[in-house]
Protein backbone atom coordinates (compact mmCIF):
# COMPACT_ATOMS: atom_id res chain seq x y z
CA UNK A 1 -94.20 -8.15 9.75
CA UNK A 2 -91.70 -9.56 12.23
CA UNK A 3 -90.18 -12.96 11.56
CA UNK A 4 -87.46 -15.27 12.85
CA UNK A 5 -85.42 -18.04 11.28
CA UNK A 6 -85.60 -21.34 13.15
CA UNK A 7 -83.06 -24.12 12.62
CA UNK A 8 -83.68 -27.61 14.02
CA UNK A 9 -80.58 -29.82 13.78
CA UNK A 10 -81.40 -33.49 14.22
CA UNK A 11 -79.43 -36.68 13.83
CA UNK A 12 -80.84 -37.25 10.34
CA UNK A 13 -82.08 -33.93 8.97
CA UNK A 14 -81.64 -30.19 9.50
CA UNK A 15 -84.89 -28.27 9.10
CA UNK A 16 -84.81 -24.52 8.46
CA UNK A 17 -87.87 -22.30 8.56
CA UNK A 18 -88.87 -18.65 8.37
CA UNK A 19 -91.64 -18.09 10.89
CA UNK A 20 -93.90 -15.16 11.79
CA UNK A 21 -94.31 -14.23 15.45
CA UNK A 22 -97.71 -15.95 15.77
CA UNK A 23 -96.37 -19.24 14.41
CA UNK A 24 -97.08 -19.14 10.67
CA UNK A 25 -94.23 -20.77 8.75
CA UNK A 26 -93.60 -18.85 5.53
CA UNK A 27 -90.75 -20.91 4.04
CA UNK A 28 -89.03 -24.20 4.87
CA UNK A 29 -86.11 -26.22 3.58
CA UNK A 30 -84.25 -29.36 4.67
CA UNK A 31 -80.63 -30.49 4.61
CA UNK A 32 -79.54 -34.10 5.10
CA UNK A 33 -76.87 -34.43 7.78
CA UNK A 34 -75.15 -37.39 6.10
CA UNK A 35 -74.43 -35.24 3.04
CA UNK A 36 -72.17 -32.91 5.03
CA UNK A 37 -69.43 -34.76 6.88
CA UNK A 38 -67.23 -31.66 6.83
CA UNK A 39 -68.25 -28.89 9.25
CA UNK A 40 -67.27 -25.98 6.98
CA UNK A 41 -69.18 -27.42 4.02
CA UNK A 42 -72.26 -27.76 6.20
CA UNK A 43 -71.98 -24.18 7.52
CA UNK A 44 -71.66 -22.84 3.96
CA UNK A 45 -74.74 -24.75 2.82
CA UNK A 46 -76.70 -23.59 5.85
CA UNK A 47 -75.67 -19.97 5.23
CA UNK A 48 -76.75 -20.25 1.59
CA UNK A 49 -80.18 -21.53 2.67
CA UNK A 50 -80.61 -18.59 5.04
CA UNK A 51 -79.64 -16.14 2.29
CA UNK A 52 -82.33 -17.65 0.07
CA UNK A 53 -84.93 -17.08 2.79
CA UNK A 54 -83.79 -13.50 3.19
CA UNK A 55 -84.04 -12.89 -0.55
CA UNK A 56 -87.57 -14.31 -0.66
CA UNK A 57 -88.77 -12.24 2.29
CA UNK A 58 -88.27 -8.58 1.45
CA UNK A 59 -91.60 -7.69 3.10
CA UNK A 60 -90.71 -9.06 6.57
CA UNK A 61 -88.22 -7.94 9.20
CA UNK A 62 -86.11 -10.89 10.36
CA UNK A 63 -85.31 -10.36 14.04
CA UNK A 64 -82.86 -13.19 14.62
CA UNK A 65 -81.94 -16.84 14.23
CA UNK A 66 -82.76 -19.59 16.72
CA UNK A 67 -80.97 -22.95 16.64
CA UNK A 68 -81.64 -26.19 18.43
CA UNK A 69 -79.09 -28.99 18.28
CA UNK A 70 -77.81 -31.94 20.27
CA UNK A 71 -74.52 -31.08 21.94
CA UNK A 72 -75.36 -27.36 22.03
CA UNK A 73 -73.08 -25.37 24.35
CA UNK A 74 -74.84 -22.05 24.96
CA UNK A 75 -71.81 -20.54 26.70
CA UNK A 76 -69.50 -20.94 23.71
CA UNK A 77 -72.09 -20.87 20.92
CA UNK A 78 -70.80 -24.17 19.59
CA UNK A 79 -72.10 -27.66 18.91
CA UNK A 80 -69.66 -30.15 20.36
CA UNK A 81 -69.32 -33.94 20.46
CA UNK A 82 -72.97 -34.67 19.67
CA UNK A 83 -73.20 -38.46 19.46
CA UNK A 84 -75.58 -38.46 16.46
CA UNK A 85 -73.80 -35.75 14.43
CA UNK A 86 -70.62 -36.13 12.33
CA UNK A 87 -68.93 -32.88 13.44
CA UNK A 88 -66.63 -32.77 16.43
CA UNK A 89 -67.09 -29.04 16.84
CA UNK A 90 -69.30 -26.58 14.98
CA UNK A 91 -68.82 -22.87 15.74
CA UNK A 92 -72.29 -22.12 14.49
CA UNK A 93 -73.29 -18.98 16.42
CA UNK A 94 -70.25 -16.90 15.48
CA UNK A 95 -70.41 -18.09 11.88
CA UNK A 96 -74.07 -17.25 11.29
CA UNK A 97 -73.79 -13.98 13.16
CA UNK A 98 -70.87 -12.87 10.98
CA UNK A 99 -72.60 -13.98 7.76
CA UNK A 100 -76.04 -12.50 8.46
CA UNK A 101 -75.45 -9.74 11.01
CA UNK A 102 -78.43 -11.09 12.96
CA UNK A 103 -78.49 -12.11 16.63
CA UNK A 104 -78.15 -15.89 16.90
CA UNK A 105 -79.40 -17.97 19.83
CA UNK A 106 -78.55 -21.62 20.53
CA UNK A 107 -80.16 -24.26 22.71
CA UNK A 108 -80.39 -28.04 23.03
CA UNK A 109 -82.55 -29.59 20.30
CA UNK A 110 -84.98 -31.24 22.72
CA UNK A 111 -85.69 -27.82 24.23
CA UNK A 112 -87.27 -26.75 20.94
CA UNK A 113 -90.21 -29.09 21.46
CA UNK A 114 -90.73 -27.77 24.97
CA UNK A 115 -90.52 -24.14 23.81
CA UNK A 116 -92.97 -24.79 20.97
CA UNK A 117 -95.36 -26.54 23.35
CA UNK A 118 -95.14 -23.62 25.79
CA UNK A 119 -95.60 -20.87 23.20
CA UNK A 120 -97.95 -22.49 20.70
CA UNK A 121 -99.38 -25.63 22.33
CA UNK A 122 -101.16 -27.28 25.27
CA UNK A 123 -98.56 -26.17 27.82
CA UNK A 124 -99.25 -22.45 27.43
CA UNK A 125 -100.83 -22.30 30.91
CA UNK A 126 -98.41 -24.72 32.58
CA UNK A 127 -95.35 -23.79 34.65
CA UNK A 128 -93.95 -27.29 35.18
CA UNK A 129 -93.84 -29.82 32.38
CA UNK A 130 -91.49 -32.09 30.44
CA UNK A 131 -91.40 -32.51 26.65
CA UNK A 132 -89.71 -35.78 25.70
CA UNK A 133 -88.55 -36.33 22.11
CA UNK A 134 -88.31 -39.86 20.73
CA UNK A 135 -86.36 -39.73 17.50
CA UNK A 136 -82.96 -41.11 16.51
CA UNK A 137 -82.10 -40.52 20.17
CA UNK A 138 -83.99 -39.23 23.22
CA UNK A 139 -83.93 -35.77 24.70
CA UNK A 140 -86.08 -33.69 27.03
CA UNK A 141 -86.99 -30.04 27.40
CA UNK A 142 -87.92 -29.29 31.01
CA UNK A 143 -89.86 -26.31 32.34
CA UNK A 144 -89.73 -25.67 36.09
CA UNK A 145 -91.58 -22.79 37.76
CA UNK A 146 -92.25 -21.26 34.35
CA UNK A 147 -88.62 -21.28 33.20
CA UNK A 148 -86.83 -23.55 30.77
CA UNK A 149 -84.19 -25.56 32.60
CA UNK A 150 -80.91 -25.12 30.74
CA UNK A 151 -78.09 -25.95 33.16
CA UNK A 152 -74.65 -24.35 33.23
CA UNK A 153 -73.82 -25.02 29.58
CA UNK A 154 -77.36 -25.35 28.23
CA UNK A 155 -77.02 -29.13 28.24
CA UNK A 156 -79.75 -30.02 30.75
CA UNK A 157 -82.30 -32.56 29.56
CA UNK A 158 -80.00 -35.19 28.04
CA UNK A 159 -82.16 -37.93 29.51
CA UNK A 160 -81.38 -40.24 26.61
CA UNK A 161 -77.98 -40.72 28.22
CA UNK A 162 -79.25 -41.71 31.62
CA UNK A 163 -78.04 -45.26 32.18
CA UNK A 164 -80.87 -47.74 31.68
CA UNK A 165 -78.82 -50.93 31.77
CA UNK A 166 -75.35 -50.95 33.28
CA UNK A 167 -72.78 -52.37 30.84
CA UNK A 168 -75.54 -52.64 28.26
CA UNK A 169 -75.65 -51.73 24.59
CA UNK A 170 -72.84 -49.45 23.35
CA UNK A 171 -73.93 -45.88 22.68
CA UNK A 172 -72.46 -43.42 20.17
CA UNK A 173 -71.68 -41.15 23.13
CA UNK A 174 -69.01 -43.64 24.20
CA UNK A 175 -70.88 -45.03 27.20
CA UNK A 176 -72.89 -48.23 27.61
CA UNK A 177 -76.52 -48.93 28.40
CA UNK A 178 -77.94 -45.44 27.71
CA UNK A 179 -81.73 -45.14 27.70
CA UNK A 180 -81.85 -44.09 24.04
CA UNK A 181 -80.20 -47.33 22.98
CA UNK A 182 -83.38 -49.08 24.15
CA UNK A 183 -86.29 -46.66 23.84
CA UNK A 184 -85.67 -44.41 20.81
CA UNK A 185 -86.42 -45.20 17.16
CA UNK A 186 -82.91 -46.62 16.81
CA UNK A 187 -83.46 -48.54 20.05
CA UNK A 188 -86.56 -50.14 18.55
CA UNK A 189 -84.45 -51.32 15.62
CA UNK A 190 -81.79 -52.75 17.95
CA UNK A 191 -84.38 -54.60 20.04
CA UNK A 192 -85.93 -56.00 16.86
CA UNK A 193 -82.56 -57.26 15.65
CA UNK A 194 -81.91 -58.85 19.02
CA UNK A 195 -85.23 -60.70 19.05
CA UNK A 196 -84.81 -61.77 15.42
CA UNK A 197 -81.39 -63.23 16.25
CA UNK A 198 -82.93 -65.25 19.09
CA UNK A 199 -85.32 -66.86 16.60
CA UNK A 200 -88.03 -67.50 19.20
CA UNK A 201 -90.85 -65.42 17.66
CA UNK A 202 -92.06 -65.69 14.07
CA UNK A 203 -91.98 -62.39 12.21
CA UNK A 204 -92.52 -60.93 8.76
CA UNK A 205 -89.44 -58.82 9.49
CA UNK A 206 -87.11 -61.80 9.34
CA UNK A 207 -86.66 -61.33 5.60
CA UNK A 208 -85.66 -57.65 5.85
CA UNK A 209 -81.89 -57.06 5.43
CA UNK A 210 -80.44 -55.88 8.74
CA UNK A 211 -79.20 -52.58 7.36
CA UNK A 212 -82.60 -51.67 5.90
CA UNK A 213 -84.71 -52.28 9.00
CA UNK A 214 -86.47 -49.16 10.38
CA UNK A 215 -88.69 -48.36 13.36
CA UNK A 216 -91.51 -47.56 10.94
CA UNK A 217 -91.29 -51.07 9.49
CA UNK A 218 -91.50 -52.50 12.99
CA UNK A 219 -94.52 -50.31 13.80
CA UNK A 220 -96.27 -51.34 10.58
CA UNK A 221 -95.62 -55.00 11.38
CA UNK A 222 -97.01 -54.51 14.90
CA UNK A 223 -100.21 -53.03 13.45
CA UNK A 224 -100.47 -56.25 11.42
CA UNK A 225 -100.28 -58.22 14.70
CA UNK A 226 -96.77 -59.47 14.04
CA UNK A 227 -95.83 -61.25 17.33
CA UNK A 228 -92.21 -60.12 17.37
CA UNK A 229 -93.01 -56.50 16.49
CA UNK A 230 -95.69 -56.38 19.18
CA UNK A 231 -93.17 -57.69 21.68
CA UNK A 232 -90.69 -54.99 20.65
CA UNK A 233 -93.19 -52.22 21.38
CA UNK A 234 -94.30 -53.87 24.61
CA UNK A 235 -90.70 -53.85 25.85
CA UNK A 236 -90.03 -50.33 24.55
CA UNK A 237 -93.20 -48.95 26.13
CA UNK A 238 -92.37 -50.52 29.48
CA UNK A 239 -88.87 -49.01 29.47
CA UNK A 240 -90.25 -45.57 28.59
CA UNK A 241 -92.93 -45.77 31.29
CA UNK A 242 -90.29 -46.50 33.92
CA UNK A 243 -88.14 -43.60 32.68
CA UNK A 244 -91.09 -41.19 32.75
CA UNK A 245 -91.90 -42.25 36.31
CA UNK A 246 -88.30 -41.48 37.26
CA UNK A 247 -88.54 -38.04 35.62
CA UNK A 248 -91.76 -37.38 37.50
CA UNK A 249 -89.99 -38.20 40.76
CA UNK A 250 -87.23 -35.73 39.88
CA UNK A 251 -89.32 -32.81 38.56
CA UNK A 252 -92.95 -33.23 39.72
CA UNK A 253 -94.45 -31.96 36.42
CA UNK A 254 -98.04 -31.00 35.56
CA UNK A 255 -97.78 -33.16 32.44
CA UNK A 256 -95.37 -35.05 30.23
CA UNK A 257 -95.55 -34.42 26.49
CA UNK A 258 -94.23 -37.04 24.08
CA UNK A 259 -93.10 -36.11 20.57
CA UNK A 260 -90.87 -37.38 17.79
CA UNK A 261 -91.18 -39.93 15.02
CA UNK A 262 -91.66 -42.91 17.33
CA UNK A 263 -94.93 -41.40 18.62
CA UNK A 264 -96.48 -42.24 15.25
CA UNK A 265 -96.64 -45.84 16.46
CA UNK A 266 -99.68 -44.69 18.45
CA UNK A 267 -101.40 -46.96 20.93
CA UNK A 268 -99.05 -49.89 20.38
CA UNK A 269 -96.47 -47.71 22.17
CA UNK A 270 -98.70 -45.62 24.44
CA UNK A 271 -100.65 -48.51 26.01
CA UNK A 272 -97.64 -50.33 27.51
CA UNK A 273 -95.97 -46.99 28.30
CA UNK A 274 -99.01 -45.77 30.27
CA UNK A 275 -99.35 -49.03 32.20
CA UNK A 276 -95.66 -49.11 33.02
CA UNK A 277 -95.74 -45.45 34.09
CA UNK A 278 -98.64 -46.02 36.47
CA UNK A 279 -97.02 -49.16 37.87
CA UNK A 280 -93.65 -47.44 38.39
CA UNK A 281 -94.83 -44.06 39.70
CA UNK A 282 -93.84 -43.26 43.28
CA UNK A 283 -96.91 -43.36 45.51
CA UNK A 284 -96.58 -39.75 46.72
CA UNK A 285 -97.28 -38.45 43.19
CA UNK A 286 -100.87 -38.22 41.91
CA UNK A 287 -101.92 -40.73 39.27
CA UNK A 288 -103.47 -37.96 37.16
CA UNK A 289 -100.15 -36.77 35.71
CA UNK A 290 -101.02 -37.08 32.01
CA UNK A 291 -98.81 -38.55 29.30
CA UNK A 292 -99.80 -36.54 26.26
CA UNK A 293 -98.86 -36.57 22.61
CA UNK A 294 -97.46 -33.17 21.68
CA UNK A 295 -99.97 -30.76 20.16
CA UNK A 296 -97.32 -29.45 17.75
CA UNK A 297 -96.90 -31.41 14.48
CA UNK A 298 -93.55 -33.22 14.49
CA UNK A 299 -92.46 -31.71 11.20
CA UNK A 300 -93.01 -28.17 12.54
CA UNK A 301 -92.10 -28.42 16.23
CA UNK A 302 -88.36 -27.91 15.89
CA UNK A 303 -88.63 -24.93 13.54
CA UNK A 304 -91.40 -23.32 15.62
CA UNK A 305 -89.46 -23.88 18.84
CA UNK A 306 -86.26 -22.43 17.38
CA UNK A 307 -88.17 -19.38 16.14
CA UNK A 308 -89.89 -18.97 19.51
CA UNK A 309 -86.42 -19.05 21.11
CA UNK A 310 -85.66 -15.81 19.23
CA UNK A 311 -88.78 -14.08 20.58
CA UNK A 312 -88.05 -15.34 24.08
CA UNK A 313 -84.45 -14.15 24.09
CA UNK A 314 -85.28 -10.75 22.58
CA UNK A 315 -87.98 -10.32 25.24
CA UNK A 316 -85.44 -11.09 27.99
CA UNK A 317 -82.94 -8.62 26.55
CA UNK A 318 -85.61 -5.90 26.41
CA UNK A 319 -86.77 -6.62 29.97
CA UNK A 320 -83.18 -6.47 31.16
CA UNK A 321 -82.69 -3.10 29.47
CA UNK A 322 -85.83 -1.72 31.13
CA UNK A 323 -84.64 -2.98 34.53
CA UNK A 324 -81.30 -1.24 34.10
CA UNK A 325 -83.06 2.02 33.27
């Protein structure tokens, strides 16, 4: 059996999985980013996890390793200056290649969701679509004319760092007013803190220590009809709807897929987002562009996408070899 190792590096966790070609995940493990402030310590731990997978999988042939990460530079094989990661530079491709002897492929983390949706999900018959991830930050994987848009350095799709509000909230990237500071899970927390500080709306969240507040708490409060929490998701949904209308104007997609932890808020997010999208959409675009929840489970999408990256890259190498012949 052929298999690939998929590594999904997020702002909070790193998920590692051994996946068969048709999408069955044989083994998984997780590392916590905050536990590894030193790059070399992290690379050693990651290498050890991969060795464990290899030892457990004597009956499969591992074809390669796929990695998705914020700040991924596909030209150099490094992860650099990612705003939600503690490492300034991580020479991950060369390291894993030297340790395992396997081909290693790197892409932006948001691309993993798009790749997984294309290979295993609803977008299998689509040539033009956008997969937006709403987690600690915001990213997008974009397919145009059947090809994943990567850009010169593989950094295309960083829509979380499009300016939403000039001179607005400070972002970890060093700029101000980035979209993800308003419409990601961390953005939800910031908006909640802002509204709590204003003291206008009554909320069950007012007793939660500032450092312990999470987007999930806000979503749970909104489901309990908490006025402040409902207002937070109304504002967040409206901002997202406007951003998705802008992306539609730029890329004219068949559909927009939404994934990530914030999607678990359900209709309290999707209702205002849909209304805002329809209100903001340029008139020349059809109103039937669907906003869809990703068909790939959040916990599996990154690993599946990273594994699918291996199959995709190997296929391209083989096609290139045949062309040369």
